[in-house]
Amino acid sequence: MTSIRLRKYRILELAEERGYKNQKQFAKELGMQQASLSQLLKNNTNFTKETLEKLMSCLQCDLSDLVEKKID
């Protein structure tokens, strides 16, 4: 089975490059709680199209920077 996962370390790297000093500041910019962002980055919760769009907008990146296929 193939699933799509967020690329946590790439997202955090891009956030740092864009000047976000910590997850709390980044979460605020995304319009979510820090705990929700943390769960999202750990792939413990599902993400929506809107969340991916916000991530791409804030990080000025493409979808391929955010997700990867995981083959189970």
PDB file of N, CA and C in Angstrom:
ATOM      1  N   MET A   1       0.840  -1.185   0.000  1.00  0.00           N
ATOM      2  CA  MET A   1       0.000   0.000   0.000  1.00  0.00           C
ATOM      3  C   MET A   1       0.887   1.252   0.000  1.00  0.00           C
ATOM      4  N   THR A   2       0.497   2.242  -0.754  1.00  0.00           N
ATOM      5  CA  THR A   2       1.235   3.493  -0.832  1.00  0.00           C
ATOM      6  C   THR A   2       0.473   4.582  -0.084  1.00  0.00           C
ATOM      7  N   SER A   3       1.190   5.352   0.695  1.00  0.00           N
ATOM      8  CA  SER A   3       0.571   6.479   1.384  1.00  0.00           C
ATOM      9  C   SER A   3       1.431   7.724   1.160  1.00  0.00           C
ATOM     10  N   ILE A   4       0.834   8.855   1.381  1.00  0.00           N
ATOM     11  CA  ILE A   4       1.539  10.131   1.234  1.00  0.00           C
ATOM     12  C   ILE A   4       1.830  10.670   2.628  1.00  0.00           C
ATOM     13  N   ARG A   5       3.075  11.034   2.856  1.00  0.00           N
ATOM     14  CA  ARG A   5       3.490  11.558   4.158  1.00  0.00           C
ATOM     15  C   ARG A   5       4.131  12.927   3.977  1.00  0.00           C
ATOM     16  N   LEU A   6       4.020  13.740   5.004  1.00  0.00           N
ATOM     17  CA  LEU A   6       4.713  15.031   4.991  1.00  0.00           C
ATOM     18  C   LEU A   6       6.195  14.819   5.269  1.00  0.00           C
ATOM     19  N   ARG A   7       7.018  15.628   4.640  1.00  0.00           N
ATOM     20  CA  ARG A   7       8.473  15.572   4.830  1.00  0.00           C
ATOM     21  C   ARG A   7       8.850  16.546   5.948  1.00  0.00           C
ATOM     22  N   LYS A   8       8.729  16.080   7.177  1.00  0.00           N
ATOM     23  CA  LYS A   8       8.907  16.922   8.366  1.00  0.00           C
ATOM     24  C   LYS A   8      10.190  17.749   8.323  1.00  0.00           C
ATOM     25  N   TYR A   9      11.316  17.109   8.139  1.00  0.00           N
ATOM     26  CA  TYR A   9      12.589  17.833   8.240  1.00  0.00           C
ATOM     27  C   TYR A   9      12.773  18.827   7.107  1.00  0.00           C
ATOM     28  N   ARG A  10      12.257  18.522   5.938  1.00  0.00           N
ATOM     29  CA  ARG A  10      12.329  19.475   4.825  1.00  0.00           C
ATOM     30  C   ARG A  10      11.442  20.683   5.109  1.00  0.00           C
ATOM     31  N   ILE A  11      10.263  20.437   5.663  1.00  0.00           N
ATOM     32  CA  ILE A  11       9.353  21.533   6.002  1.00  0.00           C
ATOM     33  C   ILE A  11       9.985  22.432   7.060  1.00  0.00           C
ATOM     34  N   LEU A  12      10.572  21.836   8.087  1.00  0.00           N
ATOM     35  CA  LEU A  12      11.217  22.628   9.139  1.00  0.00           C
ATOM     36  C   LEU A  12      12.421  23.397   8.598  1.00  0.00           C
ATOM     37  N   GLU A  13      13.148  22.777   7.684  1.00  0.00           N
ATOM     38  CA  GLU A  13      14.296  23.446   7.062  1.00  0.00           C
ATOM     39  C   GLU A  13      13.833  24.662   6.257  1.00  0.00           C
ATOM     40  N   LEU A  14      12.783  24.487   5.470  1.00  0.00           N
ATOM     41  CA  LEU A  14      12.246  25.601   4.687  1.00  0.00           C
ATOM     42  C   LEU A  14      11.706  26.700   5.589  1.00  0.00           C
ATOM     43  N   ALA A  15      11.033  26.316   6.676  1.00  0.00           N
ATOM     44  CA  ALA A  15      10.498  27.303   7.617  1.00  0.00           C
ATOM     45  C   ALA A  15      11.632  28.142   8.207  1.00  0.00           C
ATOM     46  N   GLU A  16      12.711  27.489   8.574  1.00  0.00           N
ATOM     47  CA  GLU A  16      13.861  28.218   9.122  1.00  0.00           C
ATOM     48  C   GLU A  16      14.453  29.158   8.078  1.00  0.00           C
ATOM     49  N   GLU A  17      14.570  28.686   6.845  1.00  0.00           N
ATOM     50  CA  GLU A  17      15.092  29.517   5.758  1.00  0.00           C
ATOM     51  C   GLU A  17      14.214  30.743   5.511  1.00  0.00           C
ATOM     52  N   ARG A  18      12.908  30.603   5.744  1.00  0.00           N
ATOM     53  CA  ARG A  18      11.971  31.709   5.519  1.00  0.00           C
ATOM     54  C   ARG A  18      11.847  32.629   6.731  1.00  0.00           C
ATOM     55  N   GLY A  19      12.629  32.343   7.780  1.00  0.00           N
ATOM     56  CA  GLY A  19      12.681  33.256   8.912  1.00  0.00           C
ATOM     57  C   GLY A  19      11.774  32.929  10.081  1.00  0.00           C
ATOM     58  N   TYR A  20      11.099  31.798  10.024  1.00  0.00           N
ATOM     59  CA  TYR A  20      10.279  31.401  11.170  1.00  0.00           C
ATOM     60  C   TYR A  20      11.216  30.885  12.254  1.00  0.00           C
ATOM     61  N   LYS A  21      11.167  31.507  13.407  1.00  0.00           N
ATOM     62  CA  LYS A  21      12.138  31.220  14.465  1.00  0.00           C
ATOM     63  C   LYS A  21      11.820  29.944  15.240  1.00  0.00           C
ATOM     64  N   ASN A  22      10.539  29.560  15.273  1.00  0.00           N
ATOM     65  CA  ASN A  22      10.147  28.356  16.005  1.00  0.00           C
ATOM     66  C   ASN A  22       8.806  27.850  15.475  1.00  0.00           C
ATOM     67  N   GLN A  23       8.407  26.666  15.953  1.00  0.00           N
ATOM     68  CA  GLN A  23       7.154  26.078  15.484  1.00  0.00           C
ATOM     69  C   GLN A  23       5.942  26.904  15.892  1.00  0.00           C
ATOM     70  N   LYS A  24       6.024  27.553  17.042  1.00  0.00           N
ATOM     71  CA  LYS A  24       4.893  28.366  17.506  1.00  0.00           C
ATOM     72  C   LYS A  24       4.628  29.504  16.529  1.00  0.00           C
ATOM     73  N   GLN A  25       5.670  30.199  16.124  1.00  0.00           N
ATOM     74  CA  GLN A  25       5.530  31.302  15.171  1.00  0.00           C
ATOM     75  C   GLN A  25       5.034  30.787  13.821  1.00  0.00           C
ATOM     76  N   PHE A  26       5.567  29.663  13.376  1.00  0.00           N
ATOM     77  CA  PHE A  26       5.171  29.072  12.105  1.00  0.00           C
ATOM     78  C   PHE A  26       3.707  28.639  12.148  1.00  0.00           C
ATOM     79  N   ALA A  27       3.299  28.001  13.238  1.00  0.00           N
ATOM     80  CA  ALA A  27       1.908  27.565  13.391  1.00  0.00           C
ATOM     81  C   ALA A  27       0.961  28.762  13.358  1.00  0.00           C
ATOM     82  N   LYS A  28       1.333  29.830  14.015  1.00  0.00           N
ATOM     83  CA  LYS A  28       0.494  31.036  14.031  1.00  0.00           C
ATOM     84  C   LYS A  28       0.305  31.562  12.613  1.00  0.00           C
ATOM     85  N   GLU A  29       1.355  31.583  11.841  1.00  0.00           N
ATOM     86  CA  GLU A  29       1.271  32.045  10.456  1.00  0.00           C
ATOM     87  C   GLU A  29       0.346  31.149   9.627  1.00  0.00           C
ATOM     88  N   LEU A  30       0.334  29.859   9.960  1.00  0.00           N
ATOM     89  CA  LEU A  30      -0.528  28.904   9.255  1.00  0.00           C
ATOM     90  C   LEU A  30      -1.970  28.939   9.753  1.00  0.00           C
ATOM     91  N   GLY A  31      -2.191  29.622  10.878  1.00  0.00           N
ATOM     92  CA  GLY A  31      -3.529  29.701  11.443  1.00  0.00           C
ATOM     93  C   GLY A  31      -3.926  28.460  12.220  1.00  0.00           C
ATOM     94  N   MET A  32      -2.942  27.828  12.877  1.00  0.00           N
ATOM     95  CA  MET A  32      -3.227  26.642  13.672  1.00  0.00           C
ATOM     96  C   MET A  32      -2.459  26.677  14.977  1.00  0.00           C
ATOM     97  N   GLN A  33      -2.838  25.833  15.889  1.00  0.00           N
ATOM     98  CA  GLN A  33      -2.140  25.718  17.172  1.00  0.00           C
ATOM     99  C   GLN A  33      -0.820  24.979  16.971  1.00  0.00           C
ATOM    100  N   GLN A  34       0.155  25.278  17.826  1.00  0.00           N
ATOM    101  CA  GLN A  34       1.453  24.619  17.744  1.00  0.00           C
ATOM    102  C   GLN A  34       1.309  23.105  17.900  1.00  0.00           C
ATOM    103  N   ALA A  35       0.448  22.667  18.808  1.00  0.00           N
ATOM    104  CA  ALA A  35       0.243  21.225  19.021  1.00  0.00           C
ATOM    105  C   ALA A  35      -0.298  20.551  17.757  1.00  0.00           C
ATOM    106  N   SER A  36      -1.177  21.245  17.051  1.00  0.00           N
ATOM    107  CA  SER A  36      -1.731  20.699  15.807  1.00  0.00           C
ATOM    108  C   SER A  36      -0.655  20.584  14.741  1.00  0.00           C
ATOM    109  N   LEU A  37       0.201  21.597  14.641  1.00  0.00           N
ATOM    110  CA  LEU A  37       1.303  21.553  13.682  1.00  0.00           C
ATOM    111  C   LEU A  37       2.249  20.407  14.022  1.00  0.00           C
ATOM    112  N   SER A  38       2.545  20.245  15.291  1.00  0.00           N
ATOM    113  CA  SER A  38       3.422  19.167  15.719  1.00  0.00           C
ATOM    114  C   SER A  38       2.863  17.803  15.325  1.00  0.00           C
ATOM    115  N   GLN A  39       1.573  17.588  15.570  1.00  0.00           N
ATOM    116  CA  GLN A  39       0.934  16.316  15.201  1.00  0.00           C
ATOM    117  C   GLN A  39       0.940  16.124  13.685  1.00  0.00           C
ATOM    118  N   LEU A  40       0.735  17.199  12.953  1.00  0.00           N
ATOM    119  CA  LEU A  40       0.750  17.143  11.500  1.00  0.00           C
ATOM    120  C   LEU A  40       2.129  16.731  10.990  1.00  0.00           C
ATOM    121  N   LEU A  41       3.168  17.353  11.534  1.00  0.00           N
ATOM    122  CA  LEU A  41       4.533  17.052  11.095  1.00  0.00           C
ATOM    123  C   LEU A  41       4.973  15.644  11.476  1.00  0.00           C
ATOM    124  N   LYS A  42       4.382  15.097  12.523  1.00  0.00           N
ATOM    125  CA  LYS A  42       4.682  13.718  12.930  1.00  0.00           C
ATOM    126  C   LYS A  42       3.853  12.710  12.136  1.00  0.00           C
ATOM    127  N   ASN A  43       3.026  13.218  11.221  1.00  0.00           N
ATOM    128  CA  ASN A  43       2.135  12.380  10.428  1.00  0.00           C
ATOM    129  C   ASN A  43       1.177  11.585  11.306  1.00  0.00           C
ATOM    130  N   ASN A  44       0.788  12.173  12.442  1.00  0.00           N
ATOM    131  CA  ASN A  44      -0.169  11.549  13.351  1.00  0.00           C
ATOM    132  C   ASN A  44      -1.605  11.972  13.055  1.00  0.00           C
ATOM    133  N   THR A  45      -1.766  12.838  12.094  1.00  0.00           N
ATOM    134  CA  THR A  45      -3.096  13.319  11.725  1.00  0.00           C
ATOM    135  C   THR A  45      -3.122  13.534  10.214  1.00  0.00           C
ATOM    136  N   ASN A  46      -4.291  13.519   9.654  1.00  0.00           N
ATOM    137  CA  ASN A  46      -4.429  13.739   8.216  1.00  0.00           C
ATOM    138  C   ASN A  46      -4.320  15.226   7.893  1.00  0.00           C
ATOM    139  N   PHE A  47      -3.884  15.511   6.693  1.00  0.00           N
ATOM    140  CA  PHE A  47      -3.815  16.896   6.251  1.00  0.00           C
ATOM    141  C   PHE A  47      -4.831  17.105   5.138  1.00  0.00           C
ATOM    142  N   THR A  48      -5.215  18.354   4.974  1.00  0.00           N
ATOM    143  CA  THR A  48      -6.189  18.710   3.938  1.00  0.00           C
ATOM    144  C   THR A  48      -5.486  19.443   2.802  1.00  0.00           C
ATOM    145  N   LYS A  49      -6.204  19.592   1.730  1.00  0.00           N
ATOM    146  CA  LYS A  49      -5.700  20.363   0.589  1.00  0.00           C
ATOM    147  C   LYS A  49      -5.399  21.789   1.032  1.00  0.00           C
ATOM    148  N   GLU A  50      -6.278  22.343   1.869  1.00  0.00           N
ATOM    149  CA  GLU A  50      -6.098  23.716   2.342  1.00  0.00           C
ATOM    150  C   GLU A  50      -4.824  23.847   3.171  1.00  0.00           C
ATOM    151  N   THR A  51      -4.544  22.843   3.994  1.00  0.00           N
ATOM    152  CA  THR A  51      -3.321  22.873   4.802  1.00  0.00           C
ATOM    153  C   THR A  51      -2.095  22.835   3.908  1.00  0.00           C
ATOM    154  N   LEU A  52      -2.121  21.979   2.895  1.00  0.00           N
ATOM    155  CA  LEU A  52      -0.992  21.911   1.961  1.00  0.00           C
ATOM    156  C   LEU A  52      -0.815  23.237   1.231  1.00  0.00           C
ATOM    157  N   GLU A  53      -1.912  23.851   0.843  1.00  0.00           N
ATOM    158  CA  GLU A  53      -1.833  25.147   0.154  1.00  0.00           C
ATOM    159  C   GLU A  53      -1.244  26.215   1.061  1.00  0.00           C
ATOM    160  N   LYS A  54      -1.638  26.221   2.341  1.00  0.00           N
ATOM    161  CA  LYS A  54      -1.073  27.188   3.294  1.00  0.00           C
ATOM    162  C   LYS A  54       0.420  26.953   3.470  1.00  0.00           C
ATOM    163  N   LEU A  55       0.814  25.695   3.585  1.00  0.00           N
ATOM    164  CA  LEU A  55       2.236  25.370   3.729  1.00  0.00           C
ATOM    165  C   LEU A  55       3.018  25.850   2.508  1.00  0.00           C
ATOM    166  N   MET A  56       2.510  25.556   1.311  1.00  0.00           N
ATOM    167  CA  MET A  56       3.207  25.978   0.093  1.00  0.00           C
ATOM    168  C   MET A  56       3.305  27.497   0.011  1.00  0.00           C
ATOM    169  N   SER A  57       2.252  28.191   0.412  1.00  0.00           N
ATOM    170  CA  SER A  57       2.255  29.644   0.370  1.00  0.00           C
ATOM    171  C   SER A  57       3.254  30.227   1.375  1.00  0.00           C
ATOM    172  N   CYS A  58       3.196  29.769   2.617  1.00  0.00           N
ATOM    173  CA  CYS A  58       4.096  30.291   3.656  1.00  0.00           C
ATOM    174  C   CYS A  58       5.564  29.975   3.362  1.00  0.00           C
ATOM    175  N   LEU A  59       5.790  28.790   2.820  1.00  0.00           N
ATOM    176  CA  LEU A  59       7.173  28.360   2.586  1.00  0.00           C
ATOM    177  C   LEU A  59       7.663  28.678   1.185  1.00  0.00           C
ATOM    178  N   GLN A  60       6.777  29.181   0.337  1.00  0.00           N
ATOM    179  CA  GLN A  60       7.122  29.515  -1.046  1.00  0.00           C
ATOM    180  C   GLN A  60       7.794  28.328  -1.726  1.00  0.00           C
ATOM    181  N   CYS A  61       7.080  27.199  -1.713  1.00  0.00           N
ATOM    182  CA  CYS A  61       7.654  25.978  -2.261  1.00  0.00           C
ATOM    183  C   CYS A  61       6.610  25.210  -3.054  1.00  0.00           C
ATOM    184  N   ASP A  62       7.038  24.108  -3.647  1.00  0.00           N
ATOM    185  CA  ASP A  62       6.163  23.229  -4.409  1.00  0.00           C
ATOM    186  C   ASP A  62       5.701  22.065  -3.544  1.00  0.00           C
ATOM    187  N   LEU A  63       4.674  21.398  -3.994  1.00  0.00           N
ATOM    188  CA  LEU A  63       4.139  20.239  -3.283  1.00  0.00           C
ATOM    189  C   LEU A  63       5.210  19.170  -3.075  1.00  0.00           C
ATOM    190  N   SER A  64       6.070  18.989  -4.054  1.00  0.00           N
ATOM    191  CA  SER A  64       7.123  17.966  -3.940  1.00  0.00           C
ATOM    192  C   SER A  64       8.102  18.244  -2.791  1.00  0.00           C
ATOM    193  N   ASP A  65       8.177  19.485  -2.336  1.00  0.00           N
ATOM    194  CA  ASP A  65       9.014  19.805  -1.175  1.00  0.00           C
ATOM    195  C   ASP A  65       8.355  19.360   0.120  1.00  0.00           C
ATOM    196  N   LEU A  66       7.036  19.174   0.104  1.00  0.00           N
ATOM    197  CA  LEU A  66       6.282  18.913   1.319  1.00  0.00           C
ATOM    198  C   LEU A  66       5.943  17.450   1.556  1.00  0.00           C
ATOM    199  N   VAL A  67       5.735  16.694   0.497  1.00  0.00           N
ATOM    200  CA  VAL A  67       5.248  15.319   0.653  1.00  0.00           C
ATOM    201  C   VAL A  67       6.162  14.313  -0.020  1.00  0.00           C
ATOM    202  N   GLU A  68       6.024  13.068   0.446  1.00  0.00           N
ATOM    203  CA  GLU A  68       6.746  11.947  -0.150  1.00  0.00           C
ATOM    204  C   GLU A  68       5.838  10.722  -0.107  1.00  0.00           C
ATOM    205  N   LYS A  69       6.069   9.815  -1.020  1.00  0.00           N
ATOM    206  CA  LYS A  69       5.329   8.561  -1.024  1.00  0.00           C
ATOM    207  C   LYS A  69       6.010   7.598  -0.074  1.00  0.00           C
ATOM    208  N   LYS A  70       5.185   6.904   0.691  1.00  0.00           N
ATOM    209  CA  LYS A  70       5.694   5.859   1.566  1.00  0.00           C
ATOM    210  C   LYS A  70       5.044   4.562   1.128  1.00  0.00           C
ATOM    211  N   ILE A  71       5.864   3.589   0.780  1.00  0.00           N
ATOM    212  CA  ILE A  71       5.353   2.293   0.365  1.00  0.00           C
ATOM    213  C   ILE A  71       5.421   1.360   1.549  1.00  0.00           C
ATOM    214  N   ASP A  72       4.262   0.860   1.952  1.00  0.00           N
ATOM    215  CA  ASP A  72       4.187  -0.038   3.108  1.00  0.00           C
ATOM    216  C   ASP A  72       4.394  -1.481   2.685  1.00  0.00           C
TER     217      ASP A  72
END
